[in-house]
């Protein structure tokens, strides 16, 4: 392993903003700074909701210009969405946003050919109306798809523009519902039964694989000195975030927190049982042959929308006040699709409490406590269900991502799970991105080595569970109507 220090640019794209983070990595050092942040504003046009992918690419170039020295570039983003290229490699319109309504009814079309239980057994992916499989089904017969010679997932599209080379990174491909998590290759039988042409996809890449070098035009525009390689990372941001969980051993659960909470286990093999499908767990692929076995929970979206409705009050003061509100007075199902849409979030939470016969939260502090208790309860259920369905015990829960800054949520999660919680790092996706690049260049070792470096260099906060879990079990039963 090298004793040098490398400089890596992590392009980390989220649903509302993107940023280029500059990471410096050595055998015993890891530093991360923000080079550039830029907005990600979807645009509604007559044909529907679209991503402004040209604006994102411009933001990436601006960030690389500000990153100064760069030994490699890696890109991660949200999942499922893609761009279509014509036979000459030109983009055929802005990529469709996963919240676009075009997939309504697509699942029924798919299940008529491949029933939902068979689809899960073959691909291990939970049902979500925006999975790439349903997007392609909805696009069938369109002029754009008929003209397409290539489909590239969002990080792969930006990589292509940077390098001129095409590939399909595996962790993001595993969210298409067209990958077999056992073989870590395409689910050829599913694609054939649904009439999906897999030659649309570029060859698969794994995290750490080379993805080309920056084109001369890109070097000229950014001022970087070439050659600068682009390295495939865990291009699904959750894959990068889970790689940055500073765990020791295997008996851990993780919760990647932000707008969503993604709670589950890291496994060696997928869980493809009917019970797993009914529990709405997904099997996505991670680094080094791992499987991210997890459940999607609504996450801090509930609080973000409430803060917006209240005119963005001081969050610190609100959390201190919420900590004094009686625990578990009222809870809601944090995974309920009724909370998916924006608007009127405090009123909708109050309505849900009223309909279930619970005390109705009125003040912002009461609503906030209801939200955080409900999220902790959802975390408890997800960790417990994952452990039971996978047959893997859990000794500690690691929370990474933006939610690590919410100490009350971290403590309530420890209380609810009856397990110690280790919170940090907050910038998990960008750190995982940087460290996969550094590993590809010989500066860090295996996944265990990555995690040990994180544990040595990143600030982590530990929360011990307080009291027993009986009241949380009672609240869970109350929520289930039992």
Protein backbone atom coordinates (compact mmCIF):
# COMPACT_ATOMS: atom_id res chain seq x y z
CA UNK A 1 0.00 0.00 0.00
CA UNK A 2 1.30 3.45 -0.92
CA UNK A 3 2.33 6.02 1.70
CA UNK A 4 1.47 8.91 -0.62
CA UNK A 5 -1.49 11.25 -0.22
CA UNK A 6 -4.01 11.35 -3.06
CA UNK A 7 -6.51 14.04 -4.02
CA UNK A 8 -9.90 12.89 -5.28
CA UNK A 9 -12.99 14.70 -6.53
CA UNK A 10 -16.29 13.15 -5.45
CA UNK A 11 -19.27 14.32 -7.49
CA UNK A 12 -22.28 13.68 -5.23
CA UNK A 13 -25.67 14.48 -6.77
CA UNK A 14 -28.85 14.62 -4.72
CA UNK A 15 -32.46 15.26 -5.63
CA UNK A 16 -32.29 18.97 -4.73
CA UNK A 17 -28.60 19.84 -5.04
CA UNK A 18 -25.26 18.59 -6.26
CA UNK A 19 -21.77 19.18 -5.01
CA UNK A 20 -18.18 18.40 -5.82
CA UNK A 21 -16.25 17.38 -2.71
CA UNK A 22 -12.46 17.35 -2.58
CA UNK A 23 -10.98 14.48 -0.60
CA UNK A 24 -7.37 13.99 0.48
CA UNK A 25 -6.51 10.45 1.51
CA UNK A 26 -3.39 8.90 3.01
CA UNK A 27 -2.79 5.65 4.92
CA UNK A 28 -3.78 7.36 8.19
CA UNK A 29 -5.42 10.56 7.01
CA UNK A 30 -8.76 11.48 5.47
CA UNK A 31 -9.94 15.03 4.85
CA UNK A 32 -13.03 16.19 2.97
CA UNK A 33 -13.91 19.74 1.90
CA UNK A 34 -16.65 21.16 -0.29
CA UNK A 35 -15.28 22.60 -3.54
CA UNK A 36 -18.62 23.62 -5.08
CA UNK A 37 -22.34 23.23 -4.45
CA UNK A 38 -25.00 23.85 -7.07
CA UNK A 39 -28.80 23.51 -7.28
CA UNK A 40 -30.62 20.62 -8.89
CA UNK A 41 -33.93 22.07 -10.05
CA UNK A 42 -36.22 19.70 -11.95
CA UNK A 43 -38.30 21.40 -14.63
CA UNK A 44 -41.93 20.73 -15.55
CA UNK A 45 -42.41 20.96 -19.31
CA UNK A 46 -45.51 20.09 -21.38
CA UNK A 47 -44.51 16.43 -21.62
CA UNK A 48 -43.84 16.05 -17.88
CA UNK A 49 -41.25 16.45 -15.12
CA UNK A 50 -37.63 16.40 -16.31
CA UNK A 51 -34.12 16.69 -14.85
CA UNK A 52 -31.97 19.60 -16.03
CA UNK A 53 -29.02 17.29 -16.66
CA UNK A 54 -27.13 19.93 -18.68
CA UNK A 55 -27.25 22.23 -15.68
CA UNK A 56 -25.92 19.41 -13.51
CA UNK A 57 -23.06 18.77 -15.92
CA UNK A 58 -22.18 22.48 -15.90
CA UNK A 59 -22.11 22.34 -12.09
CA UNK A 60 -19.77 19.35 -12.22
CA UNK A 61 -17.37 21.22 -14.53
CA UNK A 62 -17.48 24.28 -12.25
CA UNK A 63 -16.70 22.06 -9.26
CA UNK A 64 -13.76 20.37 -10.97
CA UNK A 65 -12.39 23.78 -11.87
CA UNK A 66 -12.47 24.76 -8.17
CA UNK A 67 -11.09 21.45 -6.91
CA UNK A 68 -7.60 22.35 -8.20
CA UNK A 69 -5.39 19.23 -8.01
CA UNK A 70 -7.32 16.03 -8.83
CA UNK A 71 -5.86 12.51 -9.11
CA UNK A 72 -9.21 10.93 -9.99
CA UNK A 73 -12.93 11.73 -10.30
CA UNK A 74 -15.89 9.60 -9.16
CA UNK A 75 -19.63 10.23 -9.55
CA UNK A 76 -22.57 9.06 -7.44
CA UNK A 77 -26.24 10.09 -7.58
CA UNK A 78 -29.78 8.96 -6.90
CA UNK A 79 -30.94 5.76 -8.56
CA UNK A 80 -33.38 4.50 -11.26
CA UNK A 81 -33.31 7.45 -13.71
CA UNK A 82 -31.50 7.45 -17.03
CA UNK A 83 -30.75 9.27 -20.28
CA UNK A 84 -31.22 7.88 -23.79
CA UNK A 85 -28.63 8.42 -26.52
CA UNK A 86 -29.07 8.10 -30.27
CA UNK A 87 -26.78 6.08 -32.54
CA UNK A 88 -24.33 9.02 -32.67
CA UNK A 89 -24.16 9.29 -28.87
CA UNK A 90 -26.27 12.45 -28.62
CA UNK A 91 -28.75 12.82 -25.74
CA UNK A 92 -32.40 12.36 -26.78
CA UNK A 93 -34.04 14.89 -24.46
CA UNK A 94 -33.70 15.57 -20.76
CA UNK A 95 -34.03 12.50 -18.51
CA UNK A 96 -37.46 11.87 -17.00
CA UNK A 97 -37.78 12.53 -13.24
CA UNK A 98 -38.72 9.53 -11.11
CA UNK A 99 -41.67 11.49 -9.67
CA UNK A 100 -43.17 11.93 -13.15
CA UNK A 101 -46.62 10.39 -13.48
CA UNK A 102 -45.87 8.36 -16.61
CA UNK A 103 -45.40 5.09 -14.67
CA UNK A 104 -49.00 5.01 -13.41
CA UNK A 105 -50.37 1.64 -14.43
CA UNK A 106 -46.99 0.32 -15.62
CA UNK A 107 -46.68 -2.19 -12.77
CA UNK A 108 -49.93 -3.92 -13.76
CA UNK A 109 -48.57 -4.29 -17.31
CA UNK A 110 -45.34 -5.83 -16.00
CA UNK A 111 -47.07 -8.17 -13.55
CA UNK A 112 -49.34 -9.48 -16.31
CA UNK A 113 -46.21 -11.01 -17.89
CA UNK A 114 -44.08 -11.58 -14.77
CA UNK A 115 -46.16 -11.79 -11.56
CA UNK A 116 -44.89 -9.68 -8.66
CA UNK A 117 -43.76 -12.70 -6.61
CA UNK A 118 -41.76 -14.10 -9.55
CA UNK A 119 -40.23 -10.71 -10.23
CA UNK A 120 -39.05 -10.40 -6.62
CA UNK A 121 -37.65 -13.93 -6.61
CA UNK A 122 -35.65 -13.09 -9.74
CA UNK A 123 -34.45 -9.56 -8.92
CA UNK A 124 -34.93 -9.07 -5.15
CA UNK A 125 -36.13 -5.50 -5.58
CA UNK A 126 -39.04 -4.09 -3.62
CA UNK A 127 -41.91 -2.59 -5.54
CA UNK A 128 -41.55 1.11 -6.23
CA UNK A 129 -43.55 2.68 -9.06
CA UNK A 130 -40.49 4.53 -10.38
CA UNK A 131 -38.11 1.56 -10.75
CA UNK A 132 -36.35 1.68 -14.13
CA UNK A 133 -38.21 -1.44 -15.24
CA UNK A 134 -41.55 0.38 -14.93
CA UNK A 135 -40.14 3.52 -16.57
CA UNK A 136 -39.07 1.48 -19.61
CA UNK A 137 -42.45 -0.23 -19.72
CA UNK A 138 -44.17 3.17 -19.66
CA UNK A 139 -41.87 4.43 -22.45
CA UNK A 140 -42.60 1.48 -24.74
CA UNK A 141 -43.79 2.68 -28.14
CA UNK A 142 -42.43 6.20 -27.67
CA UNK A 143 -40.49 7.84 -30.49
CA UNK A 144 -37.59 8.56 -28.14
CA UNK A 145 -37.12 4.95 -27.03
CA UNK A 146 -37.49 3.77 -30.64
CA UNK A 147 -34.55 6.03 -31.64
CA UNK A 148 -32.37 5.10 -28.67
CA UNK A 149 -29.13 3.25 -29.25
CA UNK A 150 -27.93 3.42 -25.64
CA UNK A 151 -29.33 3.89 -22.13
CA UNK A 152 -27.07 5.36 -19.44
CA UNK A 153 -27.94 5.81 -15.77
CA UNK A 154 -27.42 9.39 -14.54
CA UNK A 155 -23.86 8.95 -13.13
CA UNK A 156 -22.86 6.94 -16.21
CA UNK A 157 -24.24 9.66 -18.50
CA UNK A 158 -22.10 12.32 -16.82
CA UNK A 159 -19.10 9.99 -16.89
CA UNK A 160 -19.64 9.54 -20.64
CA UNK A 161 -19.64 13.30 -21.19
CA UNK A 162 -16.44 13.62 -19.17
CA UNK A 163 -14.58 10.74 -20.82
CA UNK A 164 -16.33 9.69 -24.03
CA UNK A 165 -16.58 6.11 -22.65
CA UNK A 166 -19.79 4.25 -21.83
CA UNK A 167 -20.46 1.80 -19.01
CA UNK A 168 -23.15 0.76 -16.53
CA UNK A 169 -22.02 0.78 -12.90
CA UNK A 170 -23.38 -2.23 -11.01
CA UNK A 171 -24.70 -0.75 -7.74
CA UNK A 172 -26.91 1.68 -9.66
CA UNK A 173 -27.85 -0.98 -12.23
CA UNK A 174 -29.16 -3.09 -9.34
CA UNK A 175 -31.94 -0.53 -8.81
CA UNK A 176 -33.31 -1.06 -12.33
CA UNK A 177 -35.09 -4.31 -11.34
CA UNK A 178 -33.24 -5.94 -14.23
CA UNK A 179 -30.28 -7.38 -12.25
CA UNK A 180 -30.15 -10.83 -10.64
CA UNK A 181 -28.57 -10.20 -7.21
CA UNK A 182 -27.32 -13.81 -7.03
CA UNK A 183 -25.29 -13.67 -10.24
CA UNK A 184 -24.65 -9.89 -10.10
CA UNK A 185 -25.48 -9.89 -13.81
CA UNK A 186 -28.54 -9.04 -15.88
CA UNK A 187 -31.79 -10.92 -15.21
CA UNK A 188 -31.94 -12.15 -18.79
CA UNK A 189 -35.12 -14.20 -18.34
CA UNK A 190 -37.07 -11.25 -16.89
CA UNK A 191 -35.92 -8.93 -19.67
CA UNK A 192 -36.83 -11.45 -22.36
CA UNK A 193 -40.33 -12.02 -20.98
CA UNK A 194 -40.93 -8.26 -20.85
CA UNK A 195 -39.46 -7.49 -24.27
CA UNK A 196 -36.69 -5.28 -22.87
CA UNK A 197 -33.58 -5.12 -25.05
CA UNK A 198 -30.59 -5.40 -22.72
CA UNK A 199 -28.23 -4.35 -25.52
CA UNK A 200 -29.47 -0.82 -24.76
CA UNK A 201 -27.25 -0.96 -21.66
CA UNK A 202 -23.49 -0.44 -21.80
CA UNK A 203 -21.24 -3.17 -20.33
CA UNK A 204 -21.35 -3.52 -16.55
CA UNK A 205 -18.64 -1.92 -14.39
CA UNK A 206 -17.86 -2.60 -10.75
CA UNK A 207 -16.82 -0.03 -8.11
CA UNK A 208 -13.11 0.59 -8.55
CA UNK A 209 -13.05 -0.18 -12.27
CA UNK A 210 -11.47 2.43 -14.57
CA UNK A 211 -14.08 4.50 -16.43
CA UNK A 212 -11.84 6.46 -18.80
CA UNK A 213 -9.88 9.70 -18.56
CA UNK A 214 -11.04 13.30 -18.84
CA UNK A 215 -11.32 14.39 -22.46
CA UNK A 216 -8.90 17.11 -23.62
CA UNK A 217 -11.83 19.54 -23.93
CA UNK A 218 -12.77 18.90 -20.29
CA UNK A 219 -9.18 19.45 -19.16
CA UNK A 220 -9.11 22.73 -21.07
CA UNK A 221 -12.41 23.88 -19.54
CA UNK A 222 -11.52 22.94 -15.95
CA UNK A 223 -7.84 23.88 -16.02
CA UNK A 224 -6.82 20.46 -14.70
CA UNK A 225 -3.54 18.87 -15.71
CA UNK A 226 -4.04 15.52 -17.42
CA UNK A 227 -4.26 12.70 -17.58
CA UNK A 228 -7.05 12.58 -14.95
CA UNK A 229 -8.74 9.18 -14.67
CA UNK A 230 -12.41 8.75 -13.85
CA UNK A 231 -13.01 5.81 -11.50
CA UNK A 232 -16.28 3.91 -11.14
CA UNK A 233 -17.45 4.16 -7.53
CA UNK A 234 -20.61 2.94 -5.81
CA UNK A 235 -22.53 5.25 -8.13
CA UNK A 236 -25.80 4.76 -6.27
CA UNK A 237 -25.29 7.22 -3.42
CA UNK A 238 -26.59 4.72 -0.85
CA UNK A 239 -23.96 2.20 -1.96
CA UNK A 240 -21.27 4.82 -1.34
CA UNK A 241 -22.84 5.76 2.01
CA UNK A 242 -22.96 2.14 3.23
CA UNK A 243 -19.32 1.67 2.20
CA UNK A 244 -18.55 4.56 4.57
CA UNK A 245 -20.23 2.96 7.61
CA UNK A 246 -17.35 2.78 10.15
CA UNK A 247 -18.39 -0.67 11.42
CA UNK A 248 -16.19 -3.27 13.08
CA UNK A 249 -17.33 -6.79 12.25
CA UNK A 250 -20.53 -8.02 10.66
CA UNK A 251 -23.23 -7.79 13.35
CA UNK A 252 -24.31 -4.23 12.60
CA UNK A 253 -27.30 -2.49 11.09
CA UNK A 254 -27.07 0.80 9.23
CA UNK A 255 -29.47 3.68 8.74
CA UNK A 256 -28.59 6.13 5.95
CA UNK A 257 -30.51 9.24 6.99
CA UNK A 258 -31.63 12.29 5.11
CA UNK A 259 -34.80 13.02 3.20
CA UNK A 260 -35.21 9.23 3.28
CA UNK A 261 -34.12 6.73 5.92
CA UNK A 262 -32.65 3.58 4.37
CA UNK A 263 -32.41 1.01 7.15
CA UNK A 264 -31.06 -2.50 6.92
CA UNK A 265 -28.13 -4.91 6.91
CA UNK A 266 -25.10 -5.68 4.79
CA UNK A 267 -25.27 -9.31 3.68
CA UNK A 268 -23.24 -11.78 1.63
CA UNK A 269 -26.31 -13.06 -0.24
CA UNK A 270 -29.79 -11.73 -1.07
CA UNK A 271 -32.96 -12.68 0.81
CA UNK A 272 -35.51 -13.57 -1.88
CA UNK A 273 -38.30 -15.14 0.18
CA UNK A 274 -41.97 -14.29 -0.15
CA UNK A 275 -41.92 -13.12 3.48
CA UNK A 276 -39.16 -10.66 2.57
CA UNK A 277 -41.19 -9.35 -0.37
CA UNK A 278 -44.27 -8.92 1.83
CA UNK A 279 -42.16 -6.96 4.33
CA UNK A 280 -41.09 -4.63 1.49
CA UNK A 281 -37.34 -5.20 1.76
CA UNK A 282 -35.06 -4.64 -1.19
CA UNK A 283 -31.80 -6.35 -2.20
CA UNK A 284 -29.46 -3.84 -3.84
CA UNK A 285 -25.82 -4.51 -4.60
CA UNK A 286 -22.90 -2.99 -2.73
CA UNK A 287 -19.12 -3.14 -2.72
CA UNK A 288 -17.11 -6.35 -2.85
CA UNK A 289 -19.95 -8.79 -3.43
CA UNK A 290 -22.16 -7.41 -0.65
CA UNK A 291 -25.92 -6.97 -0.70
CA UNK A 292 -27.66 -3.94 0.78
CA UNK A 293 -30.75 -5.50 2.36
CA UNK A 294 -32.89 -2.55 3.39
CA UNK A 295 -36.26 -0.87 3.71
CA UNK A 296 -37.08 2.65 2.51
CA UNK A 297 -38.63 4.86 5.21
CA UNK A 298 -39.96 8.36 4.61
CA UNK A 299 -37.19 9.89 6.73
CA UNK A 300 -36.58 13.52 7.66
CA UNK A 301 -38.81 14.61 4.76
CA UNK A 302 -41.60 14.75 7.36
CA UNK A 303 -39.66 17.29 9.44
CA UNK A 304 -38.30 19.19 6.43
CA UNK A 305 -41.82 19.74 5.07
CA UNK A 306 -43.10 20.74 8.50
CA UNK A 307 -40.31 23.28 8.93
CA UNK A 308 -41.21 24.74 5.54
CA UNK A 309 -44.86 25.03 6.60
CA UNK A 310 -43.83 26.83 9.81
CA UNK A 311 -41.65 29.36 7.99
CA UNK A 312 -38.27 27.73 8.76
CA UNK A 313 -37.97 28.28 12.54
CA UNK A 314 -34.70 27.73 14.39
CA UNK A 315 -34.23 23.95 14.31
CA UNK A 316 -31.95 23.75 17.34
CA UNK A 317 -34.44 25.55 19.57
CA UNK A 318 -37.30 23.43 18.22
CA UNK A 319 -35.45 20.18 18.93
CA UNK A 320 -34.66 21.28 22.49
CA UNK A 321 -38.32 22.02 23.05
CA UNK A 322 -39.37 18.73 21.44
CA UNK A 323 -37.06 16.83 23.80
CA UNK A 324 -39.25 18.03 26.68
CA UNK A 325 -42.51 16.75 25.13
CA UNK A 326 -43.73 13.43 26.64
CA UNK A 327 -42.40 10.48 24.67
CA UNK A 328 -44.58 8.33 22.39
CA UNK A 329 -47.71 10.35 23.10
CA UNK A 330 -48.66 10.02 19.43
CA UNK A 331 -46.99 8.16 16.53
CA UNK A 332 -47.66 7.75 12.82
CA UNK A 333 -46.48 5.26 10.20
CA UNK A 334 -43.35 6.93 8.78
CA UNK A 335 -43.54 4.67 5.74
CA UNK A 336 -47.10 5.62 4.80
CA UNK A 337 -47.37 6.81 1.19
CA UNK A 338 -49.91 9.38 2.44
CA UNK A 339 -46.92 11.52 3.51
CA UNK A 340 -45.07 11.26 0.18
CA UNK A 341 -46.43 14.43 -1.46
CA UNK A 342 -45.36 17.91 -0.31
CA UNK A 343 -47.61 20.39 1.48
CA UNK A 344 -49.62 20.67 4.72
CA UNK A 345 -47.41 18.17 6.54
CA UNK A 346 -48.23 19.25 10.14
CA UNK A 347 -51.97 19.12 9.36
CA UNK A 348 -51.66 15.69 7.70
CA UNK A 349 -49.75 14.31 10.70
CA UNK A 350 -52.41 15.70 13.03
CA UNK A 351 -55.14 14.15 10.90
CA UNK A 352 -53.43 10.75 11.02
CA UNK A 353 -53.23 10.93 14.82
CA UNK A 354 -56.89 11.97 15.07
CA UNK A 355 -58.04 9.13 12.81
CA UNK A 356 -56.12 6.57 14.89
CA UNK A 357 -57.62 7.84 18.16
CA UNK A 358 -54.37 9.27 19.54
CA UNK A 359 -53.80 12.69 21.11
CA UNK A 360 -53.48 15.27 18.35
CA UNK A 361 -50.16 17.19 18.33
CA UNK A 362 -50.80 20.92 18.06
CA UNK A 363 -47.63 22.94 18.66
CA UNK A 364 -44.54 22.68 16.45
CA UNK A 365 -42.68 21.00 19.32
CA UNK A 366 -45.42 18.38 19.70
CA UNK A 367 -45.50 17.67 15.95
CA UNK A 368 -41.70 17.46 15.87
CA UNK A 369 -41.68 14.98 18.76
CA UNK A 370 -44.35 12.92 17.00
CA UNK A 371 -42.21 12.84 13.84
CA UNK A 372 -39.00 11.85 15.62
CA UNK A 373 -40.69 9.21 17.78
CA UNK A 374 -42.32 7.82 14.64
CA UNK A 375 -39.01 7.71 12.75
CA UNK A 376 -37.28 5.98 15.66
CA UNK A 377 -40.13 3.47 15.79
CA UNK A 378 -39.80 2.84 12.04
CA UNK A 379 -36.03 2.38 12.48
CA UNK A 380 -36.70 -0.15 15.26
CA UNK A 381 -39.09 -2.14 13.09
CA UNK A 382 -36.82 -2.11 10.03
CA UNK A 383 -33.76 -3.26 11.99
CA UNK A 384 -35.74 -5.95 13.81
CA UNK A 385 -37.46 -7.21 10.66
CA UNK A 386 -34.20 -7.27 8.67
CA UNK A 387 -32.42 -9.20 11.42
CA UNK A 388 -35.25 -11.73 11.63
CA UNK A 389 -35.71 -12.21 7.88
CA UNK A 390 -31.97 -12.51 7.18
CA UNK A 391 -31.18 -14.54 10.29
CA UNK A 392 -28.37 -12.15 11.23
CA UNK A 393 -28.05 -10.80 14.80
CA UNK A 394 -27.42 -7.10 15.34
CA UNK A 395 -25.25 -5.72 18.15
CA UNK A 396 -24.98 -2.06 17.10
CA UNK A 397 -26.76 0.41 14.82
CA UNK A 398 -24.72 2.84 12.70
CA UNK A 399 -26.42 6.05 11.57
CA UNK A 400 -24.75 7.93 8.71
CA UNK A 401 -25.77 10.94 6.62
CA UNK A 402 -27.50 14.19 7.49
CA UNK A 403 -29.56 12.72 10.33
CA UNK A 404 -26.40 12.28 12.40
CA UNK A 405 -26.66 16.01 13.17
CA UNK A 406 -30.03 15.41 14.89
CA UNK A 407 -28.95 14.19 18.33
CA UNK A 408 -32.53 13.67 19.52
CA UNK A 409 -33.31 11.34 16.62
CA UNK A 410 -30.11 9.37 17.23
CA UNK A 411 -30.87 8.97 20.94
CA UNK A 412 -34.48 7.97 20.28
CA UNK A 413 -33.29 5.38 17.75
CA UNK A 414 -30.96 3.88 20.38
CA UNK A 415 -33.84 3.82 22.87
CA UNK A 416 -36.27 2.27 20.38
CA UNK A 417 -33.89 -0.43 19.16
CA UNK A 418 -32.50 -1.16 22.61
CA UNK A 419 -29.05 -1.08 21.02
CA UNK A 420 -26.10 1.31 21.04
CA UNK A 421 -26.06 3.77 18.16
CA UNK A 422 -22.89 5.13 16.55
CA UNK A 423 -23.62 8.33 14.61
CA UNK A 424 -21.31 9.53 11.84
CA UNK A 425 -19.99 10.38 9.40
CA UNK A 426 -22.48 12.95 8.13
CA UNK A 427 -20.89 13.07 4.65
CA UNK A 428 -20.99 9.30 4.17
CA UNK A 429 -21.82 9.18 0.45
CA UNK A 430 -19.00 11.56 -0.53
CA UNK A 431 -16.54 9.78 1.76
CA UNK A 432 -17.45 6.38 0.34
CA UNK A 433 -17.02 7.81 -3.16
CA UNK A 434 -13.56 9.20 -2.32
CA UNK A 435 -12.37 6.05 -0.56
CA UNK A 436 -13.30 3.72 -3.42
CA UNK A 437 -11.21 5.94 -5.69
CA UNK A 438 -8.34 5.90 -3.20
CA UNK A 439 -8.52 2.12 -2.97
CA UNK A 440 -8.39 1.80 -6.76
CA UNK A 441 -5.17 3.84 -6.61
CA UNK A 442 -3.61 1.71 -3.86
CA UNK A 443 -3.95 4.12 -0.93
CA UNK A 444 -6.32 2.07 1.23
CA UNK A 445 -7.03 -1.63 1.58
CA UNK A 446 -10.20 -3.71 1.50
CA UNK A 447 -13.66 -2.71 2.74
CA UNK A 448 -12.58 -3.47 6.30
CA UNK A 449 -9.57 -1.20 5.81
CA UNK A 450 -11.80 1.58 4.51
CA UNK A 451 -13.99 1.30 7.59
CA UNK A 452 -11.08 1.25 10.01
CA UNK A 453 -9.68 4.42 8.41
CA UNK A 454 -13.06 6.10 8.83
CA UNK A 455 -13.29 5.04 12.47
CA UNK A 456 -9.81 6.51 13.13
CA UNK A 457 -10.29 9.80 11.32
CA UNK A 458 -13.96 10.81 11.49
CA UNK A 459 -15.80 12.29 14.49
CA UNK A 460 -18.30 9.72 15.78
CA UNK A 461 -20.89 10.09 18.55
CA UNK A 462 -22.13 7.13 20.60
CA UNK A 463 -25.59 6.89 22.11
CA UNK A 464 -26.46 4.27 24.74
CA UNK A 465 -30.08 3.07 24.96
CA UNK A 466 -32.02 4.47 27.92
CA UNK A 467 -34.58 2.35 29.74
CA UNK A 468 -36.21 -0.75 28.35
CA UNK A 469 -37.97 -1.22 25.03
CA UNK A 470 -41.38 -2.14 26.47
CA UNK A 471 -42.97 1.23 25.74
CA UNK A 472 -41.63 1.10 22.18
CA UNK A 473 -43.10 -2.38 21.73
CA UNK A 474 -46.42 -1.05 23.00
CA UNK A 475 -46.29 1.92 20.60
CA UNK A 476 -45.47 -0.43 17.72
CA UNK A 477 -48.47 -2.60 18.60
CA UNK A 478 -50.66 0.51 18.89
CA UNK A 479 -49.59 1.66 15.46
CA UNK A 480 -50.33 -1.79 14.02
CA UNK A 481 -53.79 -1.67 15.58
CA UNK A 482 -53.01 -4.49 17.98
